[in-house]
Amino acid sequence: MRLLSTVYQRFAQLIHELAKFGVVGAVAYVTQLVATNVFWYALGLPELVGQALGTVCATVVAFLGNRFWTFRHRSHGHLLWSYVMFFGLNAVGLGIQVACLWFTIAVLGLDGPLARNIAGNVVGVGLGTLFRFWSYRRWVFRAPHRVSAAEAEQG
């Protein structure tokens, strides 16, 4: 039990960030899933365009949730710069999603609603999410600068 307590204390911040990131991600995922399917089936847009637009909608939801809840305790640069970085990194995540969808349609020849959703909205979103969590922590919502004892003494 003591080991579990020690491990939790050591990784508490990461665990809490992951949990909040998961909640924000779930809300963004539902947004993306609904929007993508509306773009595909209600509006008749092409597969890749619908996937991209659905992801843009989810990205707005994810930025707001992560900026103001998940990573609110971390350093934030200028809001516009954070937003640009966030969207840039999401463009990479989107590339991962679209590549999964393209591979399924163009290479595997699977183009039904189930195949599209699994490729773009399960596999693509899953791989893109791993990249996003890592990159947000590294570049967008960085850990606050910690002042060492020597720096504190210097003033």
C-alpha atoms as a PDB file:
ATOM      1  CA  MET A   1       0.000   0.000   0.000  1.00  0.00           C
ATOM      2  CA  ARG A   2       2.867   2.341   0.802  1.00  0.00           C
ATOM      3  CA  LEU A   3       4.383   1.741  -2.631  1.00  0.00           C
ATOM      4  CA  LEU A   4       1.100   2.703  -4.298  1.00  0.00           C
ATOM      5  CA  SER A   5       0.943   5.867  -2.209  1.00  0.00           C
ATOM      6  CA  THR A   6       4.517   6.779  -3.128  1.00  0.00           C
ATOM      7  CA  VAL A   7       3.914   6.155  -6.816  1.00  0.00           C
ATOM      8  CA  TYR A   8       0.704   8.196  -6.710  1.00  0.00           C
ATOM      9  CA  GLN A   9       2.426  11.101  -4.950  1.00  0.00           C
ATOM     10  CA  ARG A  10       5.238  11.068  -7.484  1.00  0.00           C
ATOM     11  CA  PHE A  11       2.907  11.038 -10.471  1.00  0.00           C
ATOM     12  CA  ALA A  12      -0.167  12.819  -9.043  1.00  0.00           C
ATOM     13  CA  GLN A  13       0.074  15.808 -11.355  1.00  0.00           C
ATOM     14  CA  LEU A  14       0.499  13.627 -14.438  1.00  0.00           C
ATOM     15  CA  ILE A  15      -2.399  11.386 -13.364  1.00  0.00           C
ATOM     16  CA  HIS A  16      -4.668  14.397 -12.859  1.00  0.00           C
ATOM     17  CA  GLU A  17      -3.622  15.905 -16.190  1.00  0.00           C
ATOM     18  CA  LEU A  18      -4.292  12.611 -17.959  1.00  0.00           C
ATOM     19  CA  ALA A  19      -7.727  12.308 -16.349  1.00  0.00           C
ATOM     20  CA  LYS A  20      -8.716  15.867 -17.275  1.00  0.00           C
ATOM     21  CA  PHE A  21      -7.220  15.453 -20.750  1.00  0.00           C
ATOM     22  CA  GLY A  22      -9.363  12.337 -21.107  1.00  0.00           C
ATOM     23  CA  VAL A  23     -12.554  14.181 -20.147  1.00  0.00           C
ATOM     24  CA  VAL A  24     -11.792  17.076 -22.489  1.00  0.00           C
ATOM     25  CA  GLY A  25     -10.845  14.564 -25.168  1.00  0.00           C
ATOM     26  CA  ALA A  26     -14.119  12.687 -24.717  1.00  0.00           C
ATOM     27  CA  VAL A  27     -16.137  15.872 -25.185  1.00  0.00           C
ATOM     28  CA  ALA A  28     -14.020  16.840 -28.202  1.00  0.00           C
ATOM     29  CA  TYR A  29     -14.329  13.291 -29.573  1.00  0.00           C
ATOM     30  CA  VAL A  30     -18.127  13.396 -29.422  1.00  0.00           C
ATOM     31  CA  THR A  31     -18.003  16.819 -31.087  1.00  0.00           C
ATOM     32  CA  GLN A  32     -15.748  15.431 -33.815  1.00  0.00           C
ATOM     33  CA  LEU A  33     -17.783  12.273 -34.316  1.00  0.00           C
ATOM     34  CA  VAL A  34     -21.083  14.128 -34.637  1.00  0.00           C
ATOM     35  CA  ALA A  35     -19.659  16.905 -36.808  1.00  0.00           C
ATOM     36  CA  THR A  36     -17.802  14.517 -39.133  1.00  0.00           C
ATOM     37  CA  ASN A  37     -20.889  12.399 -39.706  1.00  0.00           C
ATOM     38  CA  VAL A  38     -23.031  15.506 -40.288  1.00  0.00           C
ATOM     39  CA  PHE A  39     -20.508  16.729 -42.862  1.00  0.00           C
ATOM     40  CA  TRP A  40     -20.390  13.297 -44.539  1.00  0.00           C
ATOM     41  CA  TYR A  41     -23.990  12.154 -44.489  1.00  0.00           C
ATOM     42  CA  ALA A  42     -26.180  15.231 -43.935  1.00  0.00           C
ATOM     43  CA  LEU A  43     -24.169  17.632 -46.097  1.00  0.00           C
ATOM     44  CA  GLY A  44     -22.643  15.079 -48.501  1.00  0.00           C
ATOM     45  CA  LEU A  45     -19.087  16.389 -48.271  1.00  0.00           C
ATOM     46  CA  PRO A  46     -16.183  14.185 -49.427  1.00  0.00           C
ATOM     47  CA  GLU A  47     -14.650  11.842 -46.842  1.00  0.00           C
ATOM     48  CA  LEU A  48     -11.397  13.696 -46.242  1.00  0.00           C
ATOM     49  CA  VAL A  49     -13.048  17.136 -46.161  1.00  0.00           C
ATOM     50  CA  GLY A  50     -15.670  15.949 -43.662  1.00  0.00           C
ATOM     51  CA  GLN A  51     -12.978  14.388 -41.487  1.00  0.00           C
ATOM     52  CA  ALA A  52     -10.916  17.581 -41.565  1.00  0.00           C
ATOM     53  CA  LEU A  53     -13.847  19.891 -40.759  1.00  0.00           C
ATOM     54  CA  GLY A  54     -15.046  17.624 -37.942  1.00  0.00           C
ATOM     55  CA  THR A  55     -11.567  17.691 -36.468  1.00  0.00           C
ATOM     56  CA  VAL A  56     -11.405  21.488 -36.660  1.00  0.00           C
ATOM     57  CA  CYS A  57     -14.663  21.696 -34.661  1.00  0.00           C
ATOM     58  CA  ALA A  58     -13.269  19.305 -32.061  1.00  0.00           C
ATOM     59  CA  THR A  59     -10.007  21.243 -31.912  1.00  0.00           C
ATOM     60  CA  VAL A  60     -11.782  24.414 -30.805  1.00  0.00           C
ATOM     61  CA  VAL A  61     -13.529  22.490 -28.017  1.00  0.00           C
ATOM     62  CA  ALA A  62     -10.267  20.784 -27.011  1.00  0.00           C
ATOM     63  CA  PHE A  63      -8.266  24.021 -26.909  1.00  0.00           C
ATOM     64  CA  LEU A  64     -10.732  25.726 -24.614  1.00  0.00           C
ATOM     65  CA  GLY A  65     -11.002  22.711 -22.298  1.00  0.00           C
ATOM     66  CA  ASN A  66      -7.262  22.087 -22.127  1.00  0.00           C
ATOM     67  CA  ARG A  67      -6.258  25.740 -21.818  1.00  0.00           C
ATOM     68  CA  PHE A  68      -8.723  26.645 -19.107  1.00  0.00           C
ATOM     69  CA  TRP A  69      -9.071  23.337 -17.224  1.00  0.00           C
ATOM     70  CA  THR A  70      -6.563  20.535 -17.940  1.00  0.00           C
ATOM     71  CA  PHE A  71      -3.398  22.639 -18.076  1.00  0.00           C
ATOM     72  CA  ARG A  72      -4.537  25.798 -16.292  1.00  0.00           C
ATOM     73  CA  HIS A  73      -1.737  25.385 -13.707  1.00  0.00           C
ATOM     74  CA  ARG A  74       0.987  25.321 -16.382  1.00  0.00           C
ATOM     75  CA  SER A  75       2.755  28.224 -18.011  1.00  0.00           C
ATOM     76  CA  HIS A  76       0.804  29.896 -20.739  1.00  0.00           C
ATOM     77  CA  GLY A  77       2.358  32.062 -23.344  1.00  0.00           C
ATOM     78  CA  HIS A  78       0.443  34.708 -25.157  1.00  0.00           C
ATOM     79  CA  LEU A  79      -3.071  33.398 -25.844  1.00  0.00           C
ATOM     80  CA  LEU A  80      -2.768  33.894 -29.604  1.00  0.00           C
ATOM     81  CA  TRP A  81       0.608  32.112 -29.731  1.00  0.00           C
ATOM     82  CA  SER A  82      -0.776  29.204 -27.648  1.00  0.00           C
ATOM     83  CA  TYR A  83      -3.746  28.973 -29.989  1.00  0.00           C
ATOM     84  CA  VAL A  84      -1.514  28.964 -33.089  1.00  0.00           C
ATOM     85  CA  MET A  85       0.783  26.289 -31.596  1.00  0.00           C
ATOM     86  CA  PHE A  86      -2.217  24.222 -30.500  1.00  0.00           C
ATOM     87  CA  PHE A  87      -3.736  24.327 -33.980  1.00  0.00           C
ATOM     88  CA  GLY A  88      -0.383  23.618 -35.618  1.00  0.00           C
ATOM     89  CA  LEU A  89       0.119  20.509 -33.513  1.00  0.00           C
ATOM     90  CA  ASN A  90      -3.481  19.522 -34.155  1.00  0.00           C
ATOM     91  CA  ALA A  91      -2.754  19.789 -37.872  1.00  0.00           C
ATOM     92  CA  VAL A  92      -0.172  17.036 -37.352  1.00  0.00           C
ATOM     93  CA  GLY A  93      -2.775  15.041 -35.383  1.00  0.00           C
ATOM     94  CA  LEU A  94      -5.244  15.640 -38.202  1.00  0.00           C
ATOM     95  CA  GLY A  95      -2.642  14.374 -40.665  1.00  0.00           C
ATOM     96  CA  ILE A  96      -2.404  11.182 -38.632  1.00  0.00           C
ATOM     97  CA  GLN A  97      -6.209  10.786 -38.694  1.00  0.00           C
ATOM     98  CA  VAL A  98      -6.553  11.521 -42.401  1.00  0.00           C
ATOM     99  CA  ALA A  99      -3.675   9.157 -43.199  1.00  0.00           C
ATOM    100  CA  CYS A 100      -5.490   6.358 -41.351  1.00  0.00           C
ATOM    101  CA  LEU A 101      -8.702   7.109 -43.249  1.00  0.00           C
ATOM    102  CA  TRP A 102      -6.880   7.345 -46.596  1.00  0.00           C
ATOM    103  CA  PHE A 103      -5.053   4.056 -45.969  1.00  0.00           C
ATOM    104  CA  THR A 104      -8.309   2.274 -45.178  1.00  0.00           C
ATOM    105  CA  ILE A 105     -10.101   3.595 -48.267  1.00  0.00           C
ATOM    106  CA  ALA A 106      -7.290   3.722 -50.847  1.00  0.00           C
ATOM    107  CA  VAL A 107      -5.116   0.783 -49.820  1.00  0.00           C
ATOM    108  CA  LEU A 108      -7.466  -1.613 -48.038  1.00  0.00           C
ATOM    109  CA  GLY A 109     -10.459  -0.758 -50.242  1.00  0.00           C
ATOM    110  CA  LEU A 110     -12.848  -0.442 -47.288  1.00  0.00           C
ATOM    111  CA  ASP A 111     -15.262   2.473 -47.750  1.00  0.00           C
ATOM    112  CA  GLY A 112     -18.448   1.819 -45.785  1.00  0.00           C
ATOM    113  CA  PRO A 113     -19.685   3.894 -42.842  1.00  0.00           C
ATOM    114  CA  LEU A 114     -18.234   1.452 -40.298  1.00  0.00           C
ATOM    115  CA  ALA A 115     -14.822   1.327 -41.987  1.00  0.00           C
ATOM    116  CA  ARG A 116     -14.680   5.118 -42.255  1.00  0.00           C
ATOM    117  CA  ASN A 117     -15.587   5.598 -38.604  1.00  0.00           C
ATOM    118  CA  ILE A 118     -13.161   2.965 -37.333  1.00  0.00           C
ATOM    119  CA  ALA A 119     -10.303   4.263 -39.485  1.00  0.00           C
ATOM    120  CA  GLY A 120     -10.839   7.987 -38.965  1.00  0.00           C
ATOM    121  CA  ASN A 121     -12.622   8.183 -35.639  1.00  0.00           C
ATOM    122  CA  VAL A 122     -11.128   5.285 -33.680  1.00  0.00           C
ATOM    123  CA  VAL A 123      -7.665   4.411 -35.005  1.00  0.00           C
ATOM    124  CA  GLY A 124      -6.874   7.885 -36.346  1.00  0.00           C
ATOM    125  CA  VAL A 125      -8.178   9.713 -33.304  1.00  0.00           C
ATOM    126  CA  GLY A 126      -6.386   7.280 -30.970  1.00  0.00           C
ATOM    127  CA  LEU A 127      -2.991   7.716 -32.604  1.00  0.00           C
ATOM    128  CA  GLY A 128      -3.535  11.452 -32.996  1.00  0.00           C
ATOM    129  CA  THR A 129      -4.469  11.738 -29.307  1.00  0.00           C
ATOM    130  CA  LEU A 130      -1.241  10.141 -28.163  1.00  0.00           C
ATOM    131  CA  PHE A 131       0.699  12.654 -30.246  1.00  0.00           C
ATOM    132  CA  ARG A 132      -1.423  15.576 -29.018  1.00  0.00           C
ATOM    133  CA  PHE A 133      -1.030  14.859 -25.290  1.00  0.00           C
ATOM    134  CA  TRP A 134       2.728  14.566 -25.626  1.00  0.00           C
ATOM    135  CA  SER A 135       3.067  17.666 -27.798  1.00  0.00           C
ATOM    136  CA  TYR A 136       0.746  19.880 -25.722  1.00  0.00           C
ATOM    137  CA  ARG A 137       2.759  19.162 -22.584  1.00  0.00           C
ATOM    138  CA  ARG A 138       6.013  19.721 -24.424  1.00  0.00           C
ATOM    139  CA  TRP A 139       5.295  22.850 -26.456  1.00  0.00           C
ATOM    140  CA  VAL A 140       1.925  24.495 -25.719  1.00  0.00           C
ATOM    141  CA  PHE A 141       1.282  24.112 -21.991  1.00  0.00           C
ATOM    142  CA  ARG A 142       4.802  23.816 -20.625  1.00  0.00           C
ATOM    143  CA  ALA A 143       5.608  23.114 -16.997  1.00  0.00           C
ATOM    144  CA  PRO A 144       6.184  26.322 -15.068  1.00  0.00           C
ATOM    145  CA  HIS A 145       9.798  27.382 -14.701  1.00  0.00           C
ATOM    146  CA  ARG A 146      11.033  26.311 -11.274  1.00  0.00           C
ATOM    147  CA  VAL A 147      13.364  28.652  -9.513  1.00  0.00           C
ATOM    148  CA  SER A 148      16.377  26.908  -7.992  1.00  0.00           C
ATOM    149  CA  ALA A 149      17.669  27.845  -4.539  1.00  0.00           C
ATOM    150  CA  ALA A 150      20.674  29.578  -6.124  1.00  0.00           C
ATOM    151  CA  GLU A 151      18.414  31.642  -8.421  1.00  0.00           C
ATOM    152  CA  ALA A 152      16.175  32.569  -5.492  1.00  0.00           C
ATOM    153  CA  GLU A 153      19.156  33.797  -3.466  1.00  0.00           C
ATOM    154  CA  GLN A 154      20.373  35.932  -6.394  1.00  0.00           C
ATOM    155  CA  GLY A 155      17.090  37.620  -6.391  1.00  0.00           C
END
